[in-house]
Amino acid sequence: MRPEDLQKRWEEEGEDIFAAVSKWRAAHPKATLAEIEQAVDEQLNRLRARMIAQASAAADHEGSQELVCEQCGQPLQARGRAKRRWHIHGGQEVEVERTYVTCPQCGGGFIPSG
């Protein structure tokens, strides 16, 4: 995904978050500052998780073709897709599907991070 496409997607996601907070605020006109903060944090944490997952997918597409084995220096080969999950700040879980790569020389394999 091109950087400008990723930015446009994030802008759209941000607009959705702003709309959700605005809708929540209209439904809770007597909310305390702490309640408003919690509602905003929940939405921002969701946005953070989406951004991380999308950035990870973009990095996977761009970086998996140029990886080399750390043991023998051979170019790594893509061997399908695999899912990974991370727990991130704000109590959110991010699941990304990344390219699984292996070394044709020594047989090692892993899912690149990043």
N, C-alpha and C. Protein backbone atom coordinates (compact mmCIF):
# COMPACT_ATOMS: atom_id res chain seq x y z
N MET A 1 0.84 -1.18 0.00
CA MET A 1 0.00 0.00 0.00
C MET A 1 0.89 1.24 0.00
N ARG A 2 0.57 2.16 -0.86
CA ARG A 2 1.36 3.39 -0.95
C ARG A 2 1.13 4.25 0.29
N PRO A 3 2.14 5.02 0.70
CA PRO A 3 1.99 5.87 1.89
C PRO A 3 0.78 6.80 1.81
N GLU A 4 0.52 7.36 0.65
CA GLU A 4 -0.63 8.26 0.54
C GLU A 4 -1.97 7.52 0.68
N ASP A 5 -2.01 6.26 0.25
CA ASP A 5 -3.22 5.45 0.44
C ASP A 5 -3.43 5.12 1.91
N LEU A 6 -2.33 4.81 2.58
CA LEU A 6 -2.38 4.51 4.00
C LEU A 6 -2.83 5.75 4.78
N GLN A 7 -2.30 6.90 4.43
CA GLN A 7 -2.69 8.14 5.11
C GLN A 7 -4.17 8.42 4.89
N LYS A 8 -4.66 8.24 3.67
CA LYS A 8 -6.08 8.49 3.39
C LYS A 8 -6.95 7.55 4.21
N ARG A 9 -6.54 6.31 4.30
CA ARG A 9 -7.30 5.34 5.09
C ARG A 9 -7.34 5.76 6.56
N TRP A 10 -6.19 6.21 7.09
CA TRP A 10 -6.13 6.65 8.49
C TRP A 10 -6.98 7.89 8.72
N GLU A 11 -7.00 8.78 7.75
CA GLU A 11 -7.84 9.97 7.88
C GLU A 11 -9.32 9.57 7.96
N GLU A 12 -9.72 8.61 7.14
CA GLU A 12 -11.09 8.13 7.17
C GLU A 12 -11.40 7.45 8.51
N GLU A 13 -10.47 6.65 8.99
CA GLU A 13 -10.65 5.99 10.29
C GLU A 13 -10.77 7.04 11.39
N GLY A 14 -9.95 8.09 11.32
CA GLY A 14 -10.01 9.16 12.31
C GLY A 14 -11.35 9.87 12.30
N GLU A 15 -11.89 10.12 11.11
CA GLU A 15 -13.20 10.75 11.00
C GLU A 15 -14.28 9.88 11.65
N ASP A 16 -14.17 8.56 11.47
CA ASP A 16 -15.12 7.64 12.10
C ASP A 16 -15.03 7.73 13.63
N ILE A 17 -13.81 7.84 14.13
CA ILE A 17 -13.60 7.94 15.58
C ILE A 17 -14.18 9.25 16.10
N PHE A 18 -13.91 10.35 15.41
CA PHE A 18 -14.46 11.64 15.82
C PHE A 18 -15.99 11.59 15.86
N ALA A 19 -16.58 10.97 14.85
CA ALA A 19 -18.04 10.86 14.79
C ALA A 19 -18.56 10.01 15.95
N ALA A 20 -17.86 8.93 16.28
CA ALA A 20 -18.29 8.07 17.38
C ALA A 20 -18.23 8.81 18.71
N VAL A 21 -17.18 9.58 18.93
CA VAL A 21 -17.06 10.35 20.18
C VAL A 21 -18.16 11.41 20.24
N SER A 22 -18.40 12.06 19.13
CA SER A 22 -19.44 13.08 19.08
C SER A 22 -20.81 12.48 19.38
N LYS A 23 -21.09 11.33 18.81
CA LYS A 23 -22.37 10.64 19.05
C LYS A 23 -22.48 10.23 20.51
N TRP A 24 -21.38 9.70 21.06
CA TRP A 24 -21.38 9.31 22.47
C TRP A 24 -21.66 10.52 23.35
N ARG A 25 -21.00 11.63 23.05
CA ARG A 25 -21.15 12.85 23.86
C ARG A 25 -22.59 13.35 23.81
N ALA A 26 -23.22 13.31 22.65
CA ALA A 26 -24.62 13.73 22.53
C ALA A 26 -25.54 12.84 23.36
N ALA A 27 -25.20 11.56 23.46
CA ALA A 27 -26.01 10.62 24.24
C ALA A 27 -25.74 10.72 25.74
N HIS A 28 -24.65 11.39 26.12
CA HIS A 28 -24.25 11.51 27.53
C HIS A 28 -23.97 12.97 27.88
N PRO A 29 -24.99 13.83 27.85
CA PRO A 29 -24.76 15.26 28.05
C PRO A 29 -24.30 15.63 29.46
N LYS A 30 -24.52 14.76 30.44
CA LYS A 30 -24.12 15.06 31.82
C LYS A 30 -22.88 14.27 32.24
N ALA A 31 -22.15 13.77 31.27
CA ALA A 31 -20.96 12.97 31.57
C ALA A 31 -19.92 13.82 32.30
N THR A 32 -19.24 13.18 33.22
CA THR A 32 -18.14 13.86 33.92
C THR A 32 -16.91 13.90 33.03
N LEU A 33 -15.94 14.70 33.43
CA LEU A 33 -14.69 14.76 32.68
C LEU A 33 -14.03 13.38 32.60
N ALA A 34 -14.06 12.63 33.69
CA ALA A 34 -13.46 11.29 33.71
C ALA A 34 -14.19 10.36 32.74
N GLU A 35 -15.50 10.45 32.65
CA GLU A 35 -16.26 9.60 31.73
C GLU A 35 -15.97 9.99 30.28
N ILE A 36 -15.86 11.28 30.03
CA ILE A 36 -15.52 11.73 28.67
C ILE A 36 -14.14 11.22 28.29
N GLU A 37 -13.20 11.37 29.22
CA GLU A 37 -11.84 10.90 28.96
C GLU A 37 -11.83 9.41 28.65
N GLN A 38 -12.56 8.63 29.41
CA GLN A 38 -12.61 7.19 29.18
C GLN A 38 -13.20 6.87 27.80
N ALA A 39 -14.28 7.55 27.43
CA ALA A 39 -14.90 7.32 26.13
C ALA A 39 -13.94 7.67 24.98
N VAL A 40 -13.24 8.78 25.13
CA VAL A 40 -12.27 9.19 24.11
C VAL A 40 -11.12 8.18 24.04
N ASP A 41 -10.61 7.77 25.19
CA ASP A 41 -9.51 6.79 25.22
C ASP A 41 -9.92 5.48 24.55
N GLU A 42 -11.12 5.02 24.80
CA GLU A 42 -11.59 3.77 24.17
C GLU A 42 -11.56 3.88 22.65
N GLN A 43 -12.05 5.00 22.15
CA GLN A 43 -12.07 5.19 20.70
C GLN A 43 -10.66 5.34 20.13
N LEU A 44 -9.81 6.09 20.83
CA LEU A 44 -8.43 6.25 20.36
C LEU A 44 -7.66 4.92 20.39
N ASN A 45 -7.93 4.10 21.39
CA ASN A 45 -7.28 2.79 21.45
C ASN A 45 -7.70 1.91 20.28
N ARG A 46 -8.97 1.99 19.89
CA ARG A 46 -9.42 1.25 18.71
C ARG A 46 -8.72 1.76 17.45
N LEU A 47 -8.62 3.07 17.35
CA LEU A 47 -7.94 3.66 16.19
C LEU A 47 -6.48 3.23 16.16
N ARG A 48 -5.81 3.26 17.30
CA ARG A 48 -4.41 2.86 17.38
C ARG A 48 -4.24 1.42 16.88
N ALA A 49 -5.12 0.53 17.31
CA ALA A 49 -5.04 -0.88 16.90
C ALA A 49 -5.21 -1.01 15.39
N ARG A 50 -6.17 -0.30 14.83
CA ARG A 50 -6.39 -0.36 13.38
C ARG A 50 -5.17 0.17 12.62
N MET A 51 -4.62 1.28 13.11
CA MET A 51 -3.46 1.86 12.43
C MET A 51 -2.27 0.93 12.47
N ILE A 52 -2.06 0.29 13.60
CA ILE A 52 -0.93 -0.64 13.72
C ILE A 52 -1.11 -1.82 12.77
N ALA A 53 -2.31 -2.38 12.73
CA ALA A 53 -2.57 -3.52 11.85
C ALA A 53 -2.37 -3.13 10.38
N GLN A 54 -2.87 -1.96 10.00
CA GLN A 54 -2.74 -1.51 8.61
C GLN A 54 -1.29 -1.20 8.26
N ALA A 55 -0.57 -0.57 9.17
CA ALA A 55 0.85 -0.27 8.93
C ALA A 55 1.66 -1.56 8.83
N SER A 56 1.30 -2.55 9.63
CA SER A 56 1.99 -3.83 9.58
C SER A 56 1.75 -4.53 8.26
N ALA A 57 0.52 -4.49 7.78
CA ALA A 57 0.21 -5.11 6.49
C ALA A 57 0.97 -4.43 5.36
N ALA A 58 1.08 -3.10 5.42
CA ALA A 58 1.82 -2.36 4.40
C ALA A 58 3.30 -2.72 4.45
N ALA A 59 3.86 -2.85 5.65
CA ALA A 59 5.27 -3.20 5.79
C ALA A 59 5.53 -4.62 5.29
N ASP A 60 4.59 -5.51 5.54
CA ASP A 60 4.72 -6.89 5.08
C ASP A 60 4.82 -6.93 3.56
N HIS A 61 3.95 -6.21 2.91
CA HIS A 61 3.95 -6.20 1.46
C HIS A 61 5.25 -5.63 0.90
N GLU A 62 5.75 -4.57 1.50
CA GLU A 62 6.95 -3.90 1.00
C GLU A 62 8.23 -4.64 1.35
N GLY A 63 8.29 -5.27 2.53
CA GLY A 63 9.56 -5.79 3.00
C GLY A 63 9.83 -7.26 2.81
N SER A 64 8.81 -8.06 2.51
CA SER A 64 9.04 -9.51 2.50
C SER A 64 9.85 -9.97 1.29
N GLN A 65 9.91 -9.17 0.22
CA GLN A 65 10.66 -9.60 -0.96
C GLN A 65 12.17 -9.44 -0.82
N GLU A 66 12.65 -8.60 0.07
CA GLU A 66 14.08 -8.31 0.11
C GLU A 66 14.78 -8.88 1.34
N LEU A 67 14.16 -9.80 2.04
CA LEU A 67 14.77 -10.36 3.24
C LEU A 67 15.78 -11.44 2.89
N VAL A 68 16.84 -11.51 3.68
CA VAL A 68 17.84 -12.57 3.52
C VAL A 68 18.01 -13.29 4.86
N CYS A 69 18.41 -14.53 4.79
CA CYS A 69 18.62 -15.35 5.98
C CYS A 69 19.79 -14.80 6.80
N GLU A 70 19.59 -14.68 8.09
CA GLU A 70 20.66 -14.19 8.96
C GLU A 70 21.76 -15.23 9.13
N GLN A 71 21.45 -16.50 8.92
CA GLN A 71 22.43 -17.57 9.09
C GLN A 71 23.35 -17.74 7.88
N CYS A 72 22.75 -17.76 6.67
CA CYS A 72 23.57 -18.09 5.49
C CYS A 72 23.51 -17.04 4.38
N GLY A 73 22.71 -16.01 4.53
CA GLY A 73 22.68 -14.93 3.56
C GLY A 73 21.85 -15.19 2.32
N GLN A 74 21.19 -16.33 2.24
CA GLN A 74 20.35 -16.63 1.08
C GLN A 74 19.06 -15.81 1.11
N PRO A 75 18.55 -15.42 -0.06
CA PRO A 75 17.25 -14.73 -0.09
C PRO A 75 16.16 -15.66 0.46
N LEU A 76 15.30 -15.09 1.31
CA LEU A 76 14.21 -15.87 1.88
C LEU A 76 13.05 -15.94 0.89
N GLN A 77 12.30 -17.04 0.96
CA GLN A 77 11.19 -17.24 0.05
C GLN A 77 9.87 -17.23 0.82
N ALA A 78 8.88 -16.58 0.23
CA ALA A 78 7.55 -16.55 0.83
C ALA A 78 6.92 -17.95 0.76
N ARG A 79 6.30 -18.35 1.86
CA ARG A 79 5.68 -19.68 1.94
C ARG A 79 4.25 -19.59 2.46
N GLY A 80 3.53 -18.61 2.01
CA GLY A 80 2.14 -18.48 2.44
C GLY A 80 1.99 -17.43 3.52
N ARG A 81 0.82 -17.44 4.14
CA ARG A 81 0.47 -16.43 5.12
C ARG A 81 0.26 -17.08 6.48
N ALA A 82 0.51 -16.32 7.53
CA ALA A 82 0.28 -16.78 8.90
C ALA A 82 -0.20 -15.59 9.73
N LYS A 83 -1.02 -15.87 10.75
CA LYS A 83 -1.54 -14.81 11.60
C LYS A 83 -0.77 -14.75 12.90
N ARG A 84 -0.63 -13.52 13.40
CA ARG A 84 -0.02 -13.28 14.72
C ARG A 84 -0.89 -12.29 15.46
N ARG A 85 -0.86 -12.40 16.79
CA ARG A 85 -1.62 -11.49 17.63
C ARG A 85 -0.68 -10.84 18.64
N TRP A 86 -0.93 -9.54 18.87
CA TRP A 86 -0.19 -8.80 19.88
C TRP A 86 -1.19 -8.05 20.75
N HIS A 87 -0.84 -7.91 22.02
CA HIS A 87 -1.59 -7.03 22.91
C HIS A 87 -0.84 -5.72 22.94
N ILE A 88 -1.56 -4.64 22.68
CA ILE A 88 -0.92 -3.33 22.61
C ILE A 88 -1.46 -2.41 23.69
N HIS A 89 -0.85 -1.25 23.80
CA HIS A 89 -1.26 -0.22 24.73
C HIS A 89 -2.76 0.04 24.62
N GLY A 90 -3.40 0.25 25.73
CA GLY A 90 -4.83 0.54 25.73
C GLY A 90 -5.70 -0.69 25.80
N GLY A 91 -5.09 -1.85 26.05
CA GLY A 91 -5.87 -3.07 26.21
C GLY A 91 -6.41 -3.66 24.92
N GLN A 92 -5.93 -3.19 23.80
CA GLN A 92 -6.40 -3.69 22.51
C GLN A 92 -5.52 -4.85 22.04
N GLU A 93 -6.12 -5.70 21.22
CA GLU A 93 -5.38 -6.79 20.60
C GLU A 93 -5.34 -6.53 19.10
N VAL A 94 -4.18 -6.72 18.52
CA VAL A 94 -4.01 -6.54 17.08
C VAL A 94 -3.70 -7.91 16.49
N GLU A 95 -4.45 -8.25 15.46
CA GLU A 95 -4.15 -9.48 14.73
C GLU A 95 -3.77 -9.08 13.31
N VAL A 96 -2.63 -9.55 12.89
CA VAL A 96 -2.17 -9.26 11.53
C VAL A 96 -1.85 -10.57 10.83
N GLU A 97 -2.08 -10.55 9.55
CA GLU A 97 -1.71 -11.69 8.72
C GLU A 97 -0.49 -11.28 7.92
N ARG A 98 0.59 -12.02 8.09
CA ARG A 98 1.85 -11.66 7.46
C ARG A 98 2.35 -12.82 6.61
N THR A 99 3.27 -12.51 5.74
CA THR A 99 3.90 -13.52 4.91
C THR A 99 4.88 -14.34 5.75
N TYR A 100 4.76 -15.66 5.69
CA TYR A 100 5.69 -16.56 6.36
C TYR A 100 6.82 -16.83 5.37
N VAL A 101 8.07 -16.64 5.81
CA VAL A 101 9.21 -16.82 4.91
C VAL A 101 10.12 -17.94 5.43
N THR A 102 10.77 -18.61 4.49
CA THR A 102 11.72 -19.67 4.84
C THR A 102 12.99 -19.51 4.01
N CYS A 103 14.05 -20.10 4.53
CA CYS A 103 15.33 -20.10 3.82
C CYS A 103 15.45 -21.42 3.04
N PRO A 104 15.65 -21.35 1.74
CA PRO A 104 15.78 -22.59 0.96
C PRO A 104 17.08 -23.34 1.25
N GLN A 105 18.07 -22.64 1.81
CA GLN A 105 19.37 -23.25 2.10
C GLN A 105 19.36 -24.01 3.43
N CYS A 106 18.97 -23.34 4.51
CA CYS A 106 19.06 -23.97 5.83
C CYS A 106 17.70 -24.35 6.42
N GLY A 107 16.61 -23.94 5.79
CA GLY A 107 15.29 -24.37 6.20
C GLY A 107 14.64 -23.57 7.31
N GLY A 108 15.32 -22.58 7.87
CA GLY A 108 14.72 -21.78 8.91
C GLY A 108 13.54 -20.96 8.37
N GLY A 109 12.58 -20.70 9.25
CA GLY A 109 11.43 -19.91 8.82
C GLY A 109 10.92 -19.04 9.94
N PHE A 110 10.26 -17.96 9.58
CA PHE A 110 9.68 -17.08 10.57
C PHE A 110 8.71 -16.11 9.90
N ILE A 111 7.97 -15.40 10.74
CA ILE A 111 7.09 -14.34 10.27
C ILE A 111 7.82 -13.03 10.58
N PRO A 112 8.20 -12.27 9.58
CA PRO A 112 8.90 -11.02 9.83
C PRO A 112 8.04 -10.08 10.68
N SER A 113 8.67 -9.39 11.59
CA SER A 113 7.95 -8.37 12.36
C SER A 113 8.17 -7.03 11.72
N GLY A 114 7.49 -6.01 12.27
CA GLY A 114 7.75 -4.69 11.75
C GLY A 114 6.59 -4.07 11.05
